[in-house]
N, C-alpha and C. Protein backbone atom coordinates (compact mmCIF):
# COMPACT_ATOMS: atom_id res chain seq x y z
N MET A 1 -65.04 14.44 3.51
CA MET A 1 -63.88 13.67 3.14
C MET A 1 -62.73 14.06 4.07
N ALA A 2 -62.15 13.07 4.76
CA ALA A 2 -61.08 13.34 5.73
C ALA A 2 -59.74 12.97 5.11
N ILE A 3 -58.73 13.70 5.51
CA ILE A 3 -57.37 13.41 5.08
C ILE A 3 -56.75 12.46 6.09
N GLN A 4 -56.18 11.38 5.59
CA GLN A 4 -55.57 10.39 6.47
C GLN A 4 -54.06 10.47 6.33
N VAL A 5 -53.40 10.39 7.45
CA VAL A 5 -51.94 10.40 7.48
C VAL A 5 -51.49 9.05 8.01
N LYS A 6 -50.62 8.37 7.28
CA LYS A 6 -50.13 7.07 7.70
C LYS A 6 -49.01 7.27 8.72
N ILE A 7 -49.16 6.64 9.88
CA ILE A 7 -48.17 6.73 10.94
C ILE A 7 -47.73 5.32 11.29
N ASN A 8 -46.43 5.11 11.36
CA ASN A 8 -45.90 3.79 11.71
C ASN A 8 -46.23 3.46 13.16
N LYS A 9 -46.52 2.19 13.42
CA LYS A 9 -46.76 1.78 14.79
C LYS A 9 -45.48 1.85 15.61
N GLU A 10 -44.37 1.53 15.01
CA GLU A 10 -43.08 1.60 15.68
C GLU A 10 -42.30 2.75 15.05
N ILE A 11 -41.96 3.74 15.85
CA ILE A 11 -41.30 4.94 15.33
C ILE A 11 -39.91 4.64 14.79
N LEU A 12 -39.25 3.57 15.29
CA LEU A 12 -37.91 3.25 14.81
C LEU A 12 -37.92 2.67 13.40
N ASN A 13 -39.07 2.23 12.92
CA ASN A 13 -39.17 1.68 11.57
C ASN A 13 -39.36 2.75 10.50
N TYR A 14 -39.42 4.01 10.90
CA TYR A 14 -39.65 5.09 9.94
C TYR A 14 -38.42 5.27 9.06
N GLN A 15 -38.66 5.35 7.75
CA GLN A 15 -37.59 5.63 6.79
C GLN A 15 -38.08 6.73 5.86
N GLU A 16 -37.26 7.74 5.70
CA GLU A 16 -37.64 8.85 4.84
C GLU A 16 -37.47 8.44 3.39
N THR A 17 -38.51 8.62 2.60
CA THR A 17 -38.44 8.27 1.18
C THR A 17 -38.03 9.50 0.38
N ILE A 18 -37.20 9.26 -0.60
CA ILE A 18 -36.65 10.35 -1.41
C ILE A 18 -37.29 10.38 -2.79
N PHE A 19 -37.27 9.25 -3.49
CA PHE A 19 -37.67 9.22 -4.89
C PHE A 19 -38.39 7.91 -5.17
N PHE A 20 -39.58 7.97 -5.74
CA PHE A 20 -40.40 6.80 -6.07
C PHE A 20 -40.67 5.90 -4.86
N GLY A 21 -40.75 6.46 -3.68
CA GLY A 21 -41.01 5.67 -2.47
C GLY A 21 -39.81 4.90 -1.98
N LEU A 22 -38.63 5.19 -2.50
CA LEU A 22 -37.41 4.51 -2.08
C LEU A 22 -36.61 5.41 -1.16
N THR A 23 -35.86 4.79 -0.26
CA THR A 23 -34.94 5.57 0.56
C THR A 23 -33.74 5.94 -0.31
N MET A 24 -32.90 6.80 0.21
CA MET A 24 -31.72 7.23 -0.56
C MET A 24 -30.81 6.04 -0.85
N ARG A 25 -30.63 5.18 0.12
CA ARG A 25 -29.78 4.01 -0.06
C ARG A 25 -30.35 3.09 -1.15
N GLN A 26 -31.65 2.82 -1.10
CA GLN A 26 -32.29 1.97 -2.09
C GLN A 26 -32.23 2.59 -3.48
N PHE A 27 -32.43 3.90 -3.56
CA PHE A 27 -32.40 4.57 -4.86
C PHE A 27 -31.00 4.52 -5.48
N VAL A 28 -29.97 4.80 -4.68
CA VAL A 28 -28.60 4.78 -5.20
C VAL A 28 -28.22 3.37 -5.63
N CYS A 29 -28.57 2.38 -4.84
CA CYS A 29 -28.26 1.00 -5.21
C CYS A 29 -29.04 0.56 -6.44
N ALA A 30 -30.28 1.01 -6.60
CA ALA A 30 -31.05 0.68 -7.80
C ALA A 30 -30.42 1.31 -9.03
N VAL A 31 -29.96 2.56 -8.92
CA VAL A 31 -29.29 3.21 -10.05
C VAL A 31 -27.99 2.48 -10.40
N LEU A 32 -27.24 2.07 -9.38
CA LEU A 32 -26.01 1.31 -9.62
C LEU A 32 -26.32 -0.04 -10.28
N ALA A 33 -27.39 -0.70 -9.86
CA ALA A 33 -27.77 -1.98 -10.46
C ALA A 33 -28.14 -1.81 -11.93
N VAL A 34 -28.92 -0.78 -12.23
CA VAL A 34 -29.29 -0.52 -13.62
C VAL A 34 -28.05 -0.15 -14.44
N GLY A 35 -27.16 0.65 -13.86
CA GLY A 35 -25.93 1.02 -14.55
C GLY A 35 -25.04 -0.18 -14.82
N ALA A 36 -24.94 -1.09 -13.84
CA ALA A 36 -24.15 -2.31 -14.05
C ALA A 36 -24.75 -3.18 -15.13
N ALA A 37 -26.08 -3.31 -15.13
CA ALA A 37 -26.74 -4.13 -16.14
C ALA A 37 -26.55 -3.56 -17.54
N VAL A 38 -26.73 -2.24 -17.67
CA VAL A 38 -26.56 -1.60 -18.99
C VAL A 38 -25.10 -1.69 -19.44
N GLY A 39 -24.18 -1.46 -18.52
CA GLY A 39 -22.76 -1.54 -18.87
C GLY A 39 -22.36 -2.94 -19.30
N LEU A 40 -22.82 -3.95 -18.59
CA LEU A 40 -22.52 -5.32 -18.98
C LEU A 40 -23.15 -5.67 -20.32
N TYR A 41 -24.36 -5.17 -20.56
CA TYR A 41 -25.02 -5.44 -21.84
C TYR A 41 -24.23 -4.82 -23.00
N MET A 42 -23.83 -3.57 -22.82
CA MET A 42 -23.06 -2.90 -23.88
C MET A 42 -21.70 -3.58 -24.10
N LEU A 43 -21.10 -4.03 -23.02
CA LEU A 43 -19.77 -4.64 -23.11
C LEU A 43 -19.81 -6.02 -23.73
N LEU A 44 -20.82 -6.82 -23.38
CA LEU A 44 -20.83 -8.22 -23.79
C LEU A 44 -21.71 -8.54 -25.00
N SER A 45 -22.59 -7.63 -25.42
CA SER A 45 -23.50 -7.96 -26.52
C SER A 45 -22.79 -8.25 -27.84
N PRO A 46 -21.65 -7.64 -28.17
CA PRO A 46 -20.99 -8.03 -29.43
C PRO A 46 -20.37 -9.42 -29.39
N PHE A 47 -20.12 -9.97 -28.19
CA PHE A 47 -19.38 -11.23 -28.09
C PHE A 47 -20.25 -12.43 -27.76
N ALA A 48 -21.43 -12.23 -27.21
CA ALA A 48 -22.25 -13.37 -26.78
C ALA A 48 -23.69 -13.18 -27.25
N GLY A 49 -24.46 -14.24 -27.13
CA GLY A 49 -25.86 -14.20 -27.53
C GLY A 49 -26.70 -13.40 -26.53
N ARG A 50 -27.90 -13.07 -26.96
CA ARG A 50 -28.78 -12.22 -26.16
C ARG A 50 -29.17 -12.89 -24.84
N GLU A 51 -29.44 -14.19 -24.85
CA GLU A 51 -29.84 -14.88 -23.62
C GLU A 51 -28.69 -14.94 -22.62
N THR A 52 -27.50 -15.23 -23.11
CA THR A 52 -26.33 -15.28 -22.23
C THR A 52 -26.05 -13.92 -21.61
N VAL A 53 -26.12 -12.88 -22.43
CA VAL A 53 -25.87 -11.52 -21.93
C VAL A 53 -26.93 -11.12 -20.91
N SER A 54 -28.18 -11.54 -21.13
CA SER A 54 -29.22 -11.18 -20.17
C SER A 54 -28.98 -11.83 -18.82
N TRP A 55 -28.53 -13.09 -18.81
CA TRP A 55 -28.22 -13.73 -17.53
C TRP A 55 -27.03 -13.08 -16.84
N VAL A 56 -26.03 -12.71 -17.61
CA VAL A 56 -24.86 -12.02 -17.03
C VAL A 56 -25.28 -10.66 -16.46
N CYS A 57 -26.18 -9.97 -17.13
CA CYS A 57 -26.68 -8.68 -16.62
C CYS A 57 -27.42 -8.86 -15.31
N ILE A 58 -28.25 -9.89 -15.23
CA ILE A 58 -28.98 -10.16 -13.98
C ILE A 58 -28.00 -10.47 -12.86
N LEU A 59 -27.03 -11.33 -13.13
CA LEU A 59 -26.04 -11.68 -12.10
C LEU A 59 -25.16 -10.49 -11.73
N GLY A 60 -24.85 -9.63 -12.69
CA GLY A 60 -24.02 -8.47 -12.40
C GLY A 60 -24.75 -7.38 -11.63
N ALA A 61 -26.05 -7.26 -11.83
CA ALA A 61 -26.82 -6.22 -11.15
C ALA A 61 -27.33 -6.65 -9.79
N SER A 62 -27.45 -7.96 -9.57
CA SER A 62 -28.06 -8.43 -8.32
C SER A 62 -27.30 -8.04 -7.05
N PRO A 63 -25.95 -8.01 -7.01
CA PRO A 63 -25.30 -7.58 -5.76
C PRO A 63 -25.66 -6.15 -5.36
N PHE A 64 -25.79 -5.26 -6.32
CA PHE A 64 -26.17 -3.88 -6.00
C PHE A 64 -27.61 -3.80 -5.51
N ALA A 65 -28.49 -4.57 -6.13
CA ALA A 65 -29.89 -4.58 -5.71
C ALA A 65 -30.03 -5.18 -4.31
N ILE A 66 -29.31 -6.25 -4.06
CA ILE A 66 -29.36 -6.87 -2.73
C ILE A 66 -28.83 -5.91 -1.68
N ALA A 67 -27.75 -5.20 -1.98
CA ALA A 67 -27.16 -4.26 -1.01
C ALA A 67 -28.13 -3.15 -0.64
N GLY A 68 -28.99 -2.76 -1.54
CA GLY A 68 -29.91 -1.68 -1.25
C GLY A 68 -31.15 -2.10 -0.47
N PHE A 69 -31.62 -3.33 -0.69
CA PHE A 69 -32.89 -3.74 -0.13
C PHE A 69 -32.78 -4.78 0.98
N PHE A 70 -31.61 -5.34 1.22
CA PHE A 70 -31.44 -6.39 2.21
C PHE A 70 -31.50 -5.82 3.62
N GLN A 71 -32.23 -6.50 4.48
CA GLN A 71 -32.27 -6.14 5.89
C GLN A 71 -32.62 -7.39 6.69
N TYR A 72 -31.80 -7.70 7.70
CA TYR A 72 -32.01 -8.87 8.53
C TYR A 72 -31.84 -8.47 9.99
N ASN A 73 -32.88 -8.64 10.77
CA ASN A 73 -32.87 -8.25 12.19
C ASN A 73 -32.43 -6.80 12.38
N GLY A 74 -32.85 -5.93 11.50
CA GLY A 74 -32.51 -4.52 11.60
C GLY A 74 -31.12 -4.16 11.09
N MET A 75 -30.38 -5.13 10.56
CA MET A 75 -29.03 -4.87 10.06
C MET A 75 -29.05 -4.74 8.54
N LYS A 76 -28.34 -3.77 8.05
CA LYS A 76 -28.14 -3.65 6.60
C LYS A 76 -27.13 -4.71 6.16
N LEU A 77 -26.92 -4.84 4.87
CA LEU A 77 -26.10 -5.92 4.33
C LEU A 77 -24.68 -5.92 4.88
N GLU A 78 -24.03 -4.75 4.93
CA GLU A 78 -22.64 -4.72 5.37
C GLU A 78 -22.50 -5.10 6.85
N LYS A 79 -23.43 -4.69 7.69
CA LYS A 79 -23.38 -5.09 9.10
C LYS A 79 -23.67 -6.58 9.26
N PHE A 80 -24.61 -7.10 8.46
CA PHE A 80 -24.91 -8.52 8.52
C PHE A 80 -23.70 -9.34 8.08
N LEU A 81 -23.04 -8.95 6.98
CA LEU A 81 -21.88 -9.69 6.51
C LEU A 81 -20.74 -9.64 7.52
N TRP A 82 -20.55 -8.50 8.18
CA TRP A 82 -19.50 -8.40 9.20
C TRP A 82 -19.83 -9.29 10.39
N ALA A 83 -21.08 -9.32 10.83
CA ALA A 83 -21.49 -10.18 11.95
C ALA A 83 -21.33 -11.66 11.57
N TRP A 84 -21.70 -12.02 10.36
CA TRP A 84 -21.54 -13.39 9.90
C TRP A 84 -20.07 -13.78 9.83
N PHE A 85 -19.23 -12.88 9.32
CA PHE A 85 -17.79 -13.15 9.22
C PHE A 85 -17.17 -13.33 10.59
N LYS A 86 -17.54 -12.45 11.54
CA LYS A 86 -17.02 -12.59 12.89
C LYS A 86 -17.44 -13.92 13.51
N PHE A 87 -18.72 -14.26 13.38
CA PHE A 87 -19.24 -15.48 13.97
C PHE A 87 -18.63 -16.72 13.33
N SER A 88 -18.45 -16.70 12.01
CA SER A 88 -18.00 -17.89 11.30
C SER A 88 -16.49 -18.07 11.29
N PHE A 89 -15.73 -16.98 11.34
CA PHE A 89 -14.29 -17.11 11.18
C PHE A 89 -13.48 -16.57 12.35
N LEU A 90 -13.80 -15.38 12.82
CA LEU A 90 -12.98 -14.77 13.86
C LEU A 90 -13.24 -15.35 15.25
N LEU A 91 -14.48 -15.64 15.55
CA LEU A 91 -14.84 -16.12 16.88
C LEU A 91 -15.36 -17.55 16.84
N CYS A 92 -14.75 -18.40 16.03
CA CYS A 92 -15.29 -19.74 15.84
C CYS A 92 -14.57 -20.78 16.71
N ASN A 93 -14.12 -20.38 17.87
CA ASN A 93 -13.46 -21.32 18.76
C ASN A 93 -14.44 -22.38 19.26
N HIS A 94 -13.89 -23.48 19.72
CA HIS A 94 -14.72 -24.53 20.31
C HIS A 94 -15.15 -24.07 21.70
N ARG A 95 -16.44 -23.99 21.90
CA ARG A 95 -16.96 -23.52 23.18
C ARG A 95 -17.45 -24.70 23.99
N VAL A 96 -17.02 -24.74 25.24
CA VAL A 96 -17.39 -25.83 26.13
C VAL A 96 -18.37 -25.28 27.16
N TRP A 97 -19.49 -25.97 27.31
CA TRP A 97 -20.47 -25.56 28.31
C TRP A 97 -20.16 -26.30 29.58
N LYS A 98 -19.95 -25.56 30.65
CA LYS A 98 -19.59 -26.15 31.93
C LYS A 98 -20.54 -25.60 32.98
N SER A 99 -21.21 -26.51 33.67
CA SER A 99 -22.17 -26.06 34.68
C SER A 99 -21.48 -25.93 36.03
N GLU A 100 -22.06 -25.10 36.85
CA GLU A 100 -21.53 -24.90 38.20
C GLU A 100 -22.72 -24.94 39.16
N ASN A 101 -22.66 -25.81 40.14
CA ASN A 101 -23.72 -25.93 41.12
C ASN A 101 -23.41 -24.98 42.26
N ARG A 102 -24.04 -23.84 42.27
CA ARG A 102 -23.75 -22.83 43.29
C ARG A 102 -24.29 -23.23 44.66
N TYR A 103 -25.32 -24.05 44.65
CA TYR A 103 -25.88 -24.49 45.93
C TYR A 103 -24.87 -25.35 46.67
N LEU A 104 -24.27 -26.31 45.97
CA LEU A 104 -23.28 -27.17 46.62
C LEU A 104 -22.03 -26.39 47.00
N ALA A 105 -21.70 -25.36 46.26
CA ALA A 105 -20.53 -24.56 46.59
C ALA A 105 -20.74 -23.79 47.89
N GLN A 106 -21.97 -23.47 48.25
CA GLN A 106 -22.26 -22.72 49.46
C GLN A 106 -22.37 -23.59 50.70
N LEU A 107 -22.58 -24.87 50.53
CA LEU A 107 -22.68 -25.77 51.67
C LEU A 107 -21.34 -25.91 52.38
N PRO A 108 -21.35 -26.06 53.69
CA PRO A 108 -20.07 -26.25 54.41
C PRO A 108 -19.44 -27.58 54.00
N GLN A 109 -18.14 -27.56 53.90
CA GLN A 109 -17.37 -28.75 53.48
C GLN A 109 -17.35 -29.78 54.60
N LYS A 110 -17.60 -31.03 54.25
CA LYS A 110 -17.46 -32.13 55.19
C LYS A 110 -16.19 -32.87 54.87
N GLU A 111 -15.72 -33.64 55.82
CA GLU A 111 -14.43 -34.33 55.65
C GLU A 111 -14.47 -35.34 54.51
N GLY A 112 -15.55 -36.09 54.41
CA GLY A 112 -15.60 -37.17 53.44
C GLY A 112 -16.03 -36.72 52.04
N ARG A 113 -16.55 -35.53 51.90
CA ARG A 113 -17.07 -35.09 50.61
C ARG A 113 -16.02 -34.29 49.86
N LYS A 114 -15.88 -34.57 48.57
CA LYS A 114 -14.94 -33.81 47.72
C LYS A 114 -15.73 -33.09 46.66
N LYS A 115 -15.19 -32.01 46.19
CA LYS A 115 -15.85 -31.24 45.12
C LYS A 115 -15.75 -31.95 43.84
């Protein structure tokens, strides 16, 4: 019987797991999500029905869960949101594509030809 060790094909994809196979970021965000859900349940259960409170708990916990597990093109949630904000609002100028013919620019100028 041989012992097998799992090795990632790409070394940059390695993430150290802390608890239950989760990274520290994922574990903290999961605890925050559970805490938000329990807190919302305790706060709202005297005032609303069980189904309504359950939906509010799901909606209240989902931002924390998304923050812990979201990854897009190697970016965590906060880097992705900053890149999206920059692209959509800060750098959203009208961009004009203008071509330049470098071959014609290198040719000697003739009297009758204009650029």
